[in-house]
Amino acid sequence: MKKFFLFFAISWLMGLPLSAQRRGINVMELMERAEQGDTAAQYTLGYCYDRGLGLRKDVTRAAHWYEQAALQGHADAQYALGDCYAQGDGVERNDSLSAVWMERAARQGHIAAQYAMGVACLNGVGVVRDEAAAVRWFRQAAAQGDADSQFNLGYCLEQGVGIDRDAKKALFWYEEAATQGMPEALYNLGRCAMEGIGMEKDVKRGLFWLEEGAKRRDERCILYLADIYEKGEVVKRDVKKAAKWRRKVKYPPPTPPQGRGEE
């Protein structure tokens, strides 16, 4: 039988022993370890089937091995299995089962699962809609540095979704997300500075954040800049500069941003 080898980088990512990291790992050996109940090997084997790494891609087998590891409490496997149920990859799509496995991973501190649970609770997908629970999950992931959760927590605080409105705290979380380069957060910071939401109106800061977002090709930032130069209410009117910004936009203005993942 032809042997395949997974290089040490993949082994390291999957949390395999140091000895395996140094020499790479034979897939047959990986399968044997998975069959013997090794959770890291089960998850790695699922990942390899999922991504077609060293094995022919097979999402059904991927889901099977994710489940074997998930049942033993492997957080990454629980998240991966939840995603399989959410997407219908290798299993029949089932939002409720997706939420069950996502929550198990989230309770172990899995950041992506915490974010996913926040989105599920916010939209009532696979669980009863619970905006307060969504905020709690976003807060947990935000505290671990997840930019999407930081942004969504800021959005909830600004809009009073699942929590009392607090524009100042919203700005804090928008800025946390913005420092990671999230254009949506840069837009909201610029908008808040321009409109005096959670702070005194500050055109200079607003322009800075909007221009940073525009550098990342965020159309909301570009269109906001075009509008303010065209209207000339908070900056000196400059139709040429407004037109320059508008030329950077290929499509009609999008709707105002909601929380990421919100329907």
C-alpha atoms as a PDB file:
ATOM      1  CA  MET A   1       0.000   0.000   0.000  1.00  0.00           C
ATOM      2  CA  LYS A   2       1.282   3.427  -0.857  1.00  0.00           C
ATOM      3  CA  LYS A   3       2.349   5.362   2.210  1.00  0.00           C
ATOM      4  CA  PHE A   4       1.622   9.031   2.734  1.00  0.00           C
ATOM      5  CA  PHE A   5       3.404  11.308   5.162  1.00  0.00           C
ATOM      6  CA  LEU A   6       2.136  14.447   6.850  1.00  0.00           C
ATOM      7  CA  PHE A   7       4.851  16.967   7.402  1.00  0.00           C
ATOM      8  CA  PHE A   8       5.757  18.134  10.908  1.00  0.00           C
ATOM      9  CA  ALA A   9       3.994  21.489  10.543  1.00  0.00           C
ATOM     10  CA  ILE A  10       0.615  19.798  10.237  1.00  0.00           C
ATOM     11  CA  SER A  11       1.504  17.450  13.076  1.00  0.00           C
ATOM     12  CA  TRP A  12       2.332  20.417  15.289  1.00  0.00           C
ATOM     13  CA  LEU A  13      -0.894  22.211  14.418  1.00  0.00           C
ATOM     14  CA  MET A  14      -2.915  19.166  15.364  1.00  0.00           C
ATOM     15  CA  GLY A  15      -1.181  18.829  18.746  1.00  0.00           C
ATOM     16  CA  LEU A  16       0.610  15.546  18.077  1.00  0.00           C
ATOM     17  CA  PRO A  17       3.579  14.387  20.210  1.00  0.00           C
ATOM     18  CA  LEU A  18       6.967  16.024  19.705  1.00  0.00           C
ATOM     19  CA  SER A  19       8.462  12.818  18.310  1.00  0.00           C
ATOM     20  CA  ALA A  20       5.835  12.834  15.561  1.00  0.00           C
ATOM     21  CA  GLN A  21       6.436  16.512  14.890  1.00  0.00           C
ATOM     22  CA  ARG A  22      10.137  15.908  14.282  1.00  0.00           C
ATOM     23  CA  ARG A  23       9.818  13.044  11.826  1.00  0.00           C
ATOM     24  CA  GLY A  24       6.404  13.527  10.271  1.00  0.00           C
ATOM     25  CA  ILE A  25       3.817  10.812  10.720  1.00  0.00           C
ATOM     26  CA  ASN A  26       2.786   7.850   8.660  1.00  0.00           C
ATOM     27  CA  VAL A  27      -0.930   7.998   7.892  1.00  0.00           C
ATOM     28  CA  MET A  28      -1.246   4.290   8.603  1.00  0.00           C
ATOM     29  CA  GLU A  29       0.219   4.917  12.040  1.00  0.00           C
ATOM     30  CA  LEU A  30      -2.183   7.824  12.485  1.00  0.00           C
ATOM     31  CA  MET A  31      -5.115   5.570  11.637  1.00  0.00           C
ATOM     32  CA  GLU A  32      -3.940   2.931  14.102  1.00  0.00           C
ATOM     33  CA  ARG A  33      -3.660   5.489  16.868  1.00  0.00           C
ATOM     34  CA  ALA A  34      -7.090   6.876  16.025  1.00  0.00           C
ATOM     35  CA  GLU A  35      -8.595   3.386  16.159  1.00  0.00           C
ATOM     36  CA  GLN A  36      -6.991   2.915  19.580  1.00  0.00           C
ATOM     37  CA  GLY A  37      -8.844   5.969  20.875  1.00  0.00           C
ATOM     38  CA  ASP A  38      -6.123   8.633  20.740  1.00  0.00           C
ATOM     39  CA  THR A  39      -8.137  11.878  20.624  1.00  0.00           C
ATOM     40  CA  ALA A  40      -5.383  13.966  18.987  1.00  0.00           C
ATOM     41  CA  ALA A  41      -4.991  11.316  16.283  1.00  0.00           C
ATOM     42  CA  GLN A  42      -8.762  11.087  15.780  1.00  0.00           C
ATOM     43  CA  TYR A  43      -9.047  14.837  15.341  1.00  0.00           C
ATOM     44  CA  THR A  44      -6.002  14.962  13.064  1.00  0.00           C
ATOM     45  CA  LEU A  45      -7.351  12.147  10.925  1.00  0.00           C
ATOM     46  CA  GLY A  46     -10.672  13.961  10.642  1.00  0.00           C
ATOM     47  CA  TYR A  47      -8.846  17.129   9.670  1.00  0.00           C
ATOM     48  CA  CYS A  48      -6.832  15.290   7.025  1.00  0.00           C
ATOM     49  CA  TYR A  49      -9.965  13.781   5.494  1.00  0.00           C
ATOM     50  CA  ASP A  50     -11.659  17.175   5.705  1.00  0.00           C
ATOM     51  CA  ARG A  51      -8.858  19.008   3.907  1.00  0.00           C
ATOM     52  CA  GLY A  52      -7.541  16.208   1.702  1.00  0.00           C
ATOM     53  CA  LEU A  53      -4.145  16.238   3.381  1.00  0.00           C
ATOM     54  CA  GLY A  54      -2.294  12.988   2.673  1.00  0.00           C
ATOM     55  CA  LEU A  55      -5.639  11.295   2.067  1.00  0.00           C
ATOM     56  CA  ARG A  56      -8.410  11.584  -0.480  1.00  0.00           C
ATOM     57  CA  LYS A  57     -10.865  14.240   0.725  1.00  0.00           C
ATOM     58  CA  ASP A  58     -13.847  12.544   2.375  1.00  0.00           C
ATOM     59  CA  VAL A  59     -16.134  14.744   4.478  1.00  0.00           C
ATOM     60  CA  THR A  60     -18.158  11.772   5.721  1.00  0.00           C
ATOM     61  CA  ARG A  61     -15.078  10.140   7.226  1.00  0.00           C
ATOM     62  CA  ALA A  62     -13.942  13.523   8.480  1.00  0.00           C
ATOM     63  CA  ALA A  63     -17.191  13.960  10.391  1.00  0.00           C
ATOM     64  CA  HIS A  64     -16.881  10.434  11.782  1.00  0.00           C
ATOM     65  CA  TRP A  65     -13.435  11.034  13.230  1.00  0.00           C
ATOM     66  CA  TYR A  66     -14.327  14.472  14.496  1.00  0.00           C
ATOM     67  CA  GLU A  67     -17.208  12.843  16.357  1.00  0.00           C
ATOM     68  CA  GLN A  68     -14.970  10.181  17.894  1.00  0.00           C
ATOM     69  CA  ALA A  69     -12.667  12.857  19.292  1.00  0.00           C
ATOM     70  CA  ALA A  70     -15.543  15.166  20.215  1.00  0.00           C
ATOM     71  CA  LEU A  71     -17.168  12.464  22.308  1.00  0.00           C
ATOM     72  CA  GLN A  72     -13.960  12.325  24.327  1.00  0.00           C
ATOM     73  CA  GLY A  73     -14.061  16.060  24.972  1.00  0.00           C
ATOM     74  CA  HIS A  74     -11.623  17.352  22.327  1.00  0.00           C
ATOM     75  CA  ALA A  75     -12.618  21.017  21.940  1.00  0.00           C
ATOM     76  CA  ASP A  76     -11.302  21.499  18.400  1.00  0.00           C
ATOM     77  CA  ALA A  77     -13.126  18.348  17.308  1.00  0.00           C
ATOM     78  CA  GLN A  78     -16.327  19.515  18.968  1.00  0.00           C
ATOM     79  CA  TYR A  79     -16.114  22.794  17.080  1.00  0.00           C
ATOM     80  CA  ALA A  80     -15.312  21.022  13.810  1.00  0.00           C
ATOM     81  CA  LEU A  81     -18.219  18.605  14.271  1.00  0.00           C
ATOM     82  CA  GLY A  82     -20.526  21.517  15.049  1.00  0.00           C
ATOM     83  CA  ASP A  83     -19.406  23.150  11.825  1.00  0.00           C
ATOM     84  CA  CYS A  84     -20.074  19.915   9.912  1.00  0.00           C
ATOM     85  CA  TYR A  85     -23.658  19.931  11.182  1.00  0.00           C
ATOM     86  CA  ALA A  86     -24.000  23.639  10.396  1.00  0.00           C
ATOM     87  CA  GLN A  87     -22.813  23.153   6.806  1.00  0.00           C
ATOM     88  CA  GLY A  88     -24.159  19.669   6.169  1.00  0.00           C
ATOM     89  CA  ASP A  89     -20.649  18.363   5.448  1.00  0.00           C
ATOM     90  CA  GLY A  90     -20.494  14.608   5.882  1.00  0.00           C
ATOM     91  CA  VAL A  91     -23.682  14.616   7.950  1.00  0.00           C
ATOM     92  CA  GLU A  92     -27.224  15.786   7.461  1.00  0.00           C
ATOM     93  CA  ARG A  93     -27.483  19.467   8.260  1.00  0.00           C
ATOM     94  CA  ASN A  94     -28.847  19.979  11.756  1.00  0.00           C
ATOM     95  CA  ASP A  95     -28.640  23.407  13.397  1.00  0.00           C
ATOM     96  CA  SER A  96     -29.643  22.056  16.790  1.00  0.00           C
ATOM     97  CA  LEU A  97     -26.853  19.468  16.855  1.00  0.00           C
ATOM     98  CA  SER A  98     -24.469  22.091  15.561  1.00  0.00           C
ATOM     99  CA  ALA A  99     -25.318  24.279  18.544  1.00  0.00           C
ATOM    100  CA  VAL A 100     -24.920  21.364  20.965  1.00  0.00           C
ATOM    101  CA  TRP A 101     -21.358  20.685  19.847  1.00  0.00           C
ATOM    102  CA  MET A 102     -20.459  24.346  19.476  1.00  0.00           C
ATOM    103  CA  GLU A 103     -21.596  24.987  23.031  1.00  0.00           C
ATOM    104  CA  ARG A 104     -19.519  22.101  24.375  1.00  0.00           C
ATOM    105  CA  ALA A 105     -16.447  23.538  22.693  1.00  0.00           C
ATOM    106  CA  ALA A 106     -17.327  27.082  23.763  1.00  0.00           C
ATOM    107  CA  ARG A 107     -17.576  26.024  27.400  1.00  0.00           C
ATOM    108  CA  GLN A 108     -13.990  24.829  27.129  1.00  0.00           C
ATOM    109  CA  GLY A 109     -12.913  28.297  26.026  1.00  0.00           C
ATOM    110  CA  HIS A 110     -12.787  27.628  22.273  1.00  0.00           C
ATOM    111  CA  ILE A 111     -12.822  31.123  20.788  1.00  0.00           C
ATOM    112  CA  ALA A 112     -14.380  30.342  17.399  1.00  0.00           C
ATOM    113  CA  ALA A 113     -17.065  28.272  19.102  1.00  0.00           C
ATOM    114  CA  GLN A 114     -17.847  31.106  21.511  1.00  0.00           C
ATOM    115  CA  TYR A 115     -18.284  33.455  18.567  1.00  0.00           C
ATOM    116  CA  ALA A 116     -20.428  30.888  16.748  1.00  0.00           C
ATOM    117  CA  MET A 117     -22.637  30.502  19.823  1.00  0.00           C
ATOM    118  CA  GLY A 118     -22.995  34.271  20.020  1.00  0.00           C
ATOM    119  CA  VAL A 119     -24.204  34.385  16.427  1.00  0.00           C
ATOM    120  CA  ALA A 120     -26.527  31.401  16.986  1.00  0.00           C
ATOM    121  CA  CYS A 121     -28.106  32.993  20.058  1.00  0.00           C
ATOM    122  CA  LEU A 122     -28.406  36.363  18.345  1.00  0.00           C
ATOM    123  CA  ASN A 123     -30.276  34.863  15.399  1.00  0.00           C
ATOM    124  CA  GLY A 124     -32.032  31.965  17.112  1.00  0.00           C
ATOM    125  CA  VAL A 125     -30.353  29.356  14.895  1.00  0.00           C
ATOM    126  CA  GLY A 126     -30.332  25.941  16.535  1.00  0.00           C
ATOM    127  CA  VAL A 127     -31.183  27.521  19.880  1.00  0.00           C
ATOM    128  CA  VAL A 128     -33.878  29.780  21.276  1.00  0.00           C
ATOM    129  CA  ARG A 129     -33.136  33.385  20.356  1.00  0.00           C
ATOM    130  CA  ASP A 130     -31.460  34.960  23.379  1.00  0.00           C
ATOM    131  CA  GLU A 131     -29.731  38.296  22.849  1.00  0.00           C
ATOM    132  CA  ALA A 132     -28.397  38.434  26.407  1.00  0.00           C
ATOM    133  CA  ALA A 133     -26.767  35.024  25.951  1.00  0.00           C
ATOM    134  CA  ALA A 134     -25.306  36.222  22.646  1.00  0.00           C
ATOM    135  CA  VAL A 135     -23.681  39.131  24.459  1.00  0.00           C
ATOM    136  CA  ARG A 136     -22.208  36.785  27.064  1.00  0.00           C
ATOM    137  CA  TRP A 137     -20.654  34.584  24.398  1.00  0.00           C
ATOM    138  CA  PHE A 138     -19.324  37.555  22.431  1.00  0.00           C
ATOM    139  CA  ARG A 139     -17.844  38.967  25.620  1.00  0.00           C
ATOM    140  CA  GLN A 140     -15.992  35.732  26.388  1.00  0.00           C
ATOM    141  CA  ALA A 141     -14.489  35.525  22.907  1.00  0.00           C
ATOM    142  CA  ALA A 142     -13.785  39.278  22.823  1.00  0.00           C
ATOM    143  CA  ALA A 143     -11.815  38.988  26.049  1.00  0.00           C
ATOM    144  CA  GLN A 144      -9.636  36.409  24.300  1.00  0.00           C
ATOM    145  CA  GLY A 145      -8.941  38.822  21.454  1.00  0.00           C
ATOM    146  CA  ASP A 146     -11.404  37.698  18.780  1.00  0.00           C
ATOM    147  CA  ALA A 147     -11.945  40.709  16.521  1.00  0.00           C
ATOM    148  CA  ASP A 148     -15.359  39.609  15.200  1.00  0.00           C
ATOM    149  CA  SER A 149     -16.638  39.178  18.746  1.00  0.00           C
ATOM    150  CA  GLN A 150     -15.158  42.502  19.818  1.00  0.00           C
ATOM    151  CA  PHE A 151     -16.979  44.188  16.961  1.00  0.00           C
ATOM    152  CA  ASN A 152     -20.265  42.431  17.706  1.00  0.00           C
ATOM    153  CA  LEU A 153     -19.999  43.252  21.396  1.00  0.00           C
ATOM    154  CA  GLY A 154     -19.465  46.888  20.472  1.00  0.00           C
ATOM    155  CA  TYR A 155     -22.480  46.762  18.176  1.00  0.00           C
ATOM    156  CA  CYS A 156     -24.672  45.269  20.915  1.00  0.00           C
ATOM    157  CA  LEU A 157     -23.538  47.931  23.365  1.00  0.00           C
ATOM    158  CA  GLU A 158     -24.147  50.748  20.900  1.00  0.00           C
ATOM    159  CA  GLN A 159     -27.584  49.496  19.849  1.00  0.00           C
ATOM    160  CA  GLY A 160     -28.743  48.094  23.188  1.00  0.00           C
ATOM    161  CA  VAL A 161     -29.056  44.536  21.893  1.00  0.00           C
ATOM    162  CA  GLY A 162     -29.167  42.113  24.815  1.00  0.00           C
ATOM    163  CA  ILE A 163     -27.603  44.683  27.091  1.00  0.00           C
ATOM    164  CA  ASP A 164     -28.146  48.290  28.175  1.00  0.00           C
ATOM    165  CA  ARG A 165     -26.877  50.872  25.714  1.00  0.00           C
ATOM    166  CA  ASP A 166     -23.416  52.155  26.522  1.00  0.00           C
ATOM    167  CA  ALA A 167     -21.804  54.034  23.645  1.00  0.00           C
ATOM    168  CA  LYS A 168     -18.527  54.607  25.478  1.00  0.00           C
ATOM    169  CA  LYS A 169     -18.036  50.904  26.097  1.00  0.00           C
ATOM    170  CA  ALA A 170     -19.062  50.245  22.502  1.00  0.00           C
ATOM    171  CA  LEU A 171     -16.252  52.512  21.335  1.00  0.00           C
ATOM    172  CA  PHE A 172     -13.774  50.593  23.477  1.00  0.00           C
ATOM    173  CA  TRP A 173     -14.641  47.318  21.760  1.00  0.00           C
ATOM    174  CA  TYR A 174     -14.776  48.882  18.303  1.00  0.00           C
ATOM    175  CA  GLU A 175     -11.288  50.201  18.891  1.00  0.00           C
ATOM    176  CA  GLU A 176     -10.074  46.798  20.080  1.00  0.00           C
ATOM    177  CA  ALA A 177     -11.332  45.278  16.826  1.00  0.00           C
ATOM    178  CA  ALA A 178      -9.990  48.191  14.777  1.00  0.00           C
ATOM    179  CA  THR A 179      -6.466  47.673  16.128  1.00  0.00           C
ATOM    180  CA  GLN A 180      -6.627  44.272  14.460  1.00  0.00           C
ATOM    181  CA  GLY A 181      -7.425  45.958  11.154  1.00  0.00           C
ATOM    182  CA  MET A 182     -11.158  45.243  10.932  1.00  0.00           C
ATOM    183  CA  PRO A 183     -12.631  47.704   8.390  1.00  0.00           C
ATOM    184  CA  GLU A 184     -16.148  47.502   9.857  1.00  0.00           C
ATOM    185  CA  ALA A 185     -14.806  48.625  13.227  1.00  0.00           C
ATOM    186  CA  LEU A 186     -12.867  51.472  11.617  1.00  0.00           C
ATOM    187  CA  TYR A 187     -16.062  52.597   9.920  1.00  0.00           C
ATOM    188  CA  ASN A 188     -18.033  52.579  13.166  1.00  0.00           C
ATOM    189  CA  LEU A 189     -15.291  54.476  14.982  1.00  0.00           C
ATOM    190  CA  GLY A 190     -15.218  57.083  12.229  1.00  0.00           C
ATOM    191  CA  ARG A 191     -18.996  57.354  12.195  1.00  0.00           C
ATOM    192  CA  CYS A 192     -19.174  57.715  15.974  1.00  0.00           C
ATOM    193  CA  ALA A 193     -16.475  60.396  15.984  1.00  0.00           C
ATOM    194  CA  MET A 194     -18.206  62.328  13.225  1.00  0.00           C
ATOM    195  CA  GLU A 195     -21.628  62.092  14.873  1.00  0.00           C
ATOM    196  CA  GLY A 196     -20.526  62.448  18.481  1.00  0.00           C
ATOM    197  CA  ILE A 197     -21.666  59.000  19.594  1.00  0.00           C
ATOM    198  CA  GLY A 198     -19.967  58.006  22.844  1.00  0.00           C
ATOM    199  CA  MET A 199     -17.567  60.934  22.523  1.00  0.00           C
ATOM    200  CA  GLU A 200     -17.454  64.594  21.627  1.00  0.00           C
ATOM    201  CA  LYS A 201     -17.584  65.195  17.901  1.00  0.00           C
ATOM    202  CA  ASP A 202     -14.055  64.925  16.580  1.00  0.00           C
ATOM    203  CA  VAL A 203     -13.730  65.428  12.833  1.00  0.00           C
ATOM    204  CA  LYS A 204      -9.975  64.868  12.823  1.00  0.00           C
ATOM    205  CA  ARG A 205     -10.236  61.481  14.518  1.00  0.00           C
ATOM    206  CA  GLY A 206     -13.234  60.588  12.411  1.00  0.00           C
ATOM    207  CA  LEU A 207     -11.364  61.298   9.195  1.00  0.00           C
ATOM    208  CA  PHE A 208      -8.386  59.287  10.417  1.00  0.00           C
ATOM    209  CA  TRP A 209     -10.451  56.170  11.113  1.00  0.00           C
ATOM    210  CA  LEU A 210     -12.504  56.481   7.944  1.00  0.00           C
ATOM    211  CA  GLU A 211      -9.393  56.893   5.836  1.00  0.00           C
ATOM    212  CA  GLU A 212      -7.814  53.866   7.517  1.00  0.00           C
ATOM    213  CA  GLY A 213     -10.914  51.887   6.597  1.00  0.00           C
ATOM    214  CA  ALA A 214     -10.835  53.273   3.067  1.00  0.00           C
ATOM    215  CA  LYS A 215      -7.230  52.070   2.726  1.00  0.00           C
ATOM    216  CA  ARG A 216      -8.613  48.593   3.388  1.00  0.00           C
ATOM    217  CA  ARG A 217     -11.168  49.176   0.593  1.00  0.00           C
ATOM    218  CA  ASP A 218     -14.166  49.304   2.889  1.00  0.00           C
ATOM    219  CA  GLU A 219     -16.932  50.823   0.772  1.00  0.00           C
ATOM    220  CA  ARG A 220     -18.816  52.245   3.753  1.00  0.00           C
ATOM    221  CA  CYS A 221     -15.758  54.287   4.706  1.00  0.00           C
ATOM    222  CA  ILE A 222     -15.196  55.402   1.118  1.00  0.00           C
ATOM    223  CA  LEU A 223     -18.805  56.485   0.644  1.00  0.00           C
ATOM    224  CA  TYR A 224     -18.902  58.277   3.993  1.00  0.00           C
ATOM    225  CA  LEU A 225     -15.819  60.252   3.005  1.00  0.00           C
ATOM    226  CA  ALA A 226     -17.334  61.054  -0.385  1.00  0.00           C
ATOM    227  CA  ASP A 227     -20.547  62.266   1.273  1.00  0.00           C
ATOM    228  CA  ILE A 228     -18.882  64.573   3.787  1.00  0.00           C
ATOM    229  CA  TYR A 229     -16.697  66.191   1.136  1.00  0.00           C
ATOM    230  CA  GLU A 230     -19.675  66.568  -1.170  1.00  0.00           C
ATOM    231  CA  LYS A 231     -21.921  68.141   1.487  1.00  0.00           C
ATOM    232  CA  GLY A 232     -19.223  70.308   3.049  1.00  0.00           C
ATOM    233  CA  GLU A 233     -20.912  70.413   6.468  1.00  0.00           C
ATOM    234  CA  VAL A 234     -18.083  69.170   8.688  1.00  0.00           C
ATOM    235  CA  VAL A 235     -15.178  69.706   6.291  1.00  0.00           C
ATOM    236  CA  LYS A 236     -14.535  72.204   3.547  1.00  0.00           C
ATOM    237  CA  ARG A 237     -16.600  71.266   0.512  1.00  0.00           C
ATOM    238  CA  ASP A 238     -14.471  69.615  -2.144  1.00  0.00           C
ATOM    239  CA  VAL A 239     -16.429  68.054  -5.007  1.00  0.00           C
ATOM    240  CA  LYS A 240     -13.268  66.845  -6.724  1.00  0.00           C
ATOM    241  CA  LYS A 241     -12.193  64.936  -3.641  1.00  0.00           C
ATOM    242  CA  ALA A 242     -15.737  63.595  -3.247  1.00  0.00           C
ATOM    243  CA  ALA A 243     -15.711  62.374  -6.840  1.00  0.00           C
ATOM    244  CA  LYS A 244     -12.292  60.817  -6.327  1.00  0.00           C
ATOM    245  CA  TRP A 245     -13.613  58.782  -3.408  1.00  0.00           C
ATOM    246  CA  ARG A 246     -16.751  57.750  -5.295  1.00  0.00           C
ATOM    247  CA  ARG A 247     -14.709  56.445  -8.215  1.00  0.00           C
ATOM    248  CA  LYS A 248     -13.229  53.878  -5.850  1.00  0.00           C
ATOM    249  CA  VAL A 249     -16.653  52.298  -5.373  1.00  0.00           C
ATOM    250  CA  LYS A 250     -17.825  49.859  -8.043  1.00  0.00           C
ATOM    251  CA  TYR A 251     -21.189  48.975  -6.553  1.00  0.00           C
ATOM    252  CA  PRO A 252     -24.169  50.778  -4.959  1.00  0.00           C
ATOM    253  CA  PRO A 253     -23.853  51.739  -1.275  1.00  0.00           C
ATOM    254  CA  PRO A 254     -24.382  48.757   1.037  1.00  0.00           C
ATOM    255  CA  THR A 255     -26.871  48.769   3.886  1.00  0.00           C
ATOM    256  CA  PRO A 256     -25.576  50.009   7.263  1.00  0.00           C
ATOM    257  CA  PRO A 257     -23.469  47.341   9.011  1.00  0.00           C
ATOM    258  CA  GLN A 258     -25.069  45.038  11.526  1.00  0.00           C
ATOM    259  CA  GLY A 259     -23.323  42.781  13.962  1.00  0.00           C
ATOM    260  CA  ARG A 260     -21.158  40.271  12.107  1.00  0.00           C
ATOM    261  CA  GLY A 261     -23.157  37.119  11.557  1.00  0.00           C
ATOM    262  CA  GLU A 262     -26.483  38.814  12.314  1.00  0.00           C
ATOM    263  CA  GLU A 263     -29.326  38.194   9.897  1.00  0.00           C
END
